[in-house]
Protein backbone atom coordinates (compact mmCIF):
# COMPACT_ATOMS: atom_id res chain seq x y z
CA UNK A 1 87.79 -53.49 -31.08
CA UNK A 2 91.26 -54.84 -30.47
CA UNK A 3 90.40 -56.92 -27.41
CA UNK A 4 87.51 -57.87 -28.53
CA UNK A 5 88.74 -59.26 -32.08
CA UNK A 6 91.50 -60.97 -29.74
CA UNK A 7 88.77 -62.62 -27.80
CA UNK A 8 86.89 -64.07 -31.26
CA UNK A 9 89.84 -64.88 -33.26
CA UNK A 10 91.00 -67.51 -29.87
CA UNK A 11 87.94 -69.26 -30.46
CA UNK A 12 87.73 -70.20 -26.76
CA UNK A 13 83.97 -69.01 -26.91
CA UNK A 14 81.18 -68.22 -30.05
CA UNK A 15 82.07 -65.50 -31.69
CA UNK A 16 81.25 -62.17 -29.67
CA UNK A 17 80.02 -58.44 -30.79
CA UNK A 18 82.34 -56.24 -31.31
CA UNK A 19 81.41 -53.06 -31.36
CA UNK A 20 81.52 -50.30 -28.54
CA UNK A 21 78.17 -49.14 -26.65
CA UNK A 22 77.24 -46.77 -25.01
CA UNK A 23 78.20 -47.15 -21.27
CA UNK A 24 74.04 -46.56 -19.77
CA UNK A 25 72.61 -43.87 -20.54
CA UNK A 26 75.83 -41.27 -21.03
CA UNK A 27 78.11 -40.89 -24.64
CA UNK A 28 80.80 -43.49 -23.37
CA UNK A 29 81.52 -45.94 -25.36
CA UNK A 30 82.41 -49.61 -23.62
CA UNK A 31 82.73 -52.95 -24.50
CA UNK A 32 80.23 -54.21 -21.63
CA UNK A 33 83.19 -56.43 -20.59
CA UNK A 34 80.98 -58.00 -18.79
CA UNK A 35 79.72 -59.77 -21.02
CA UNK A 36 82.79 -61.68 -22.27
CA UNK A 37 83.17 -62.20 -18.16
CA UNK A 38 80.04 -64.23 -18.78
CA UNK A 39 81.21 -65.84 -21.96
CA UNK A 40 84.21 -67.31 -20.30
CA UNK A 41 83.01 -68.11 -17.23
CA UNK A 42 79.74 -70.82 -19.14
CA UNK A 43 83.01 -72.62 -20.41
CA UNK A 44 84.58 -73.41 -16.96
CA UNK A 45 83.45 -77.18 -16.29
CA UNK A 46 85.56 -78.08 -13.09
CA UNK A 47 82.44 -77.87 -10.37
CA UNK A 48 85.43 -76.57 -7.85
CA UNK A 49 86.79 -73.87 -10.78
CA UNK A 50 82.80 -72.73 -11.37
CA UNK A 51 82.00 -72.84 -7.23
CA UNK A 52 85.03 -70.16 -6.67
CA UNK A 53 84.28 -66.05 -6.04
CA UNK A 54 85.19 -63.76 -8.78
CA UNK A 55 88.66 -62.30 -8.37
CA UNK A 56 89.09 -58.59 -9.38
CA UNK A 57 89.02 -54.94 -8.05
CA UNK A 58 85.80 -53.80 -6.05
CA UNK A 59 85.27 -51.87 -8.75
CA UNK A 60 84.45 -54.64 -11.09
CA UNK A 61 81.65 -55.80 -8.82
CA UNK A 62 80.03 -52.63 -7.21
CA UNK A 63 78.25 -49.83 -8.76
CA UNK A 64 78.83 -47.97 -5.92
CA UNK A 65 80.57 -45.11 -4.96
CA UNK A 66 79.69 -45.17 -1.57
CA UNK A 67 81.41 -48.62 -1.23
CA UNK A 68 83.83 -47.55 -3.51
CA UNK A 69 85.11 -44.40 -1.30
CA UNK A 70 84.64 -45.79 1.65
CA UNK A 71 87.40 -47.74 3.35
CA UNK A 72 85.10 -49.56 6.15
CA UNK A 73 81.89 -49.91 3.40
CA UNK A 74 84.41 -51.95 0.99
CA UNK A 75 85.57 -54.15 3.70
CA UNK A 76 82.41 -54.58 4.64
CA UNK A 77 81.40 -56.00 1.47
CA UNK A 78 84.40 -57.89 1.07
CA UNK A 79 83.74 -59.64 3.75
CA UNK A 80 80.30 -59.99 3.53
CA UNK A 81 78.50 -63.30 3.58
CA UNK A 82 79.19 -65.92 1.72
CA UNK A 83 82.43 -64.28 0.48
CA UNK A 84 84.77 -65.80 2.50
CA UNK A 85 87.99 -67.43 1.08
CA UNK A 86 87.07 -70.94 -0.45
CA UNK A 87 89.10 -73.35 0.05
CA UNK A 88 90.68 -76.25 -2.76
CA UNK A 89 90.39 -79.68 -1.57
CA UNK A 90 93.24 -81.10 -2.34
């Protein structure tokens, strides 16, 4: 697929499989983007950057319709233990 091929062409990580795969047991083909995120994150050498929490939409980190559907649950997840705003020292 285009995104996977582009990722490999950039040479930022070891080449990753570019063929889509089934989404769990469902008949939907996906790229499983976590593989790319993991490979890229593994190349970060700065300990301050490696220590930062992931950034993105909640549905990238939570696979629960109960959490994503109800705003009070989303807020509890986002502000839960260990998920405070990190501060980079200058």
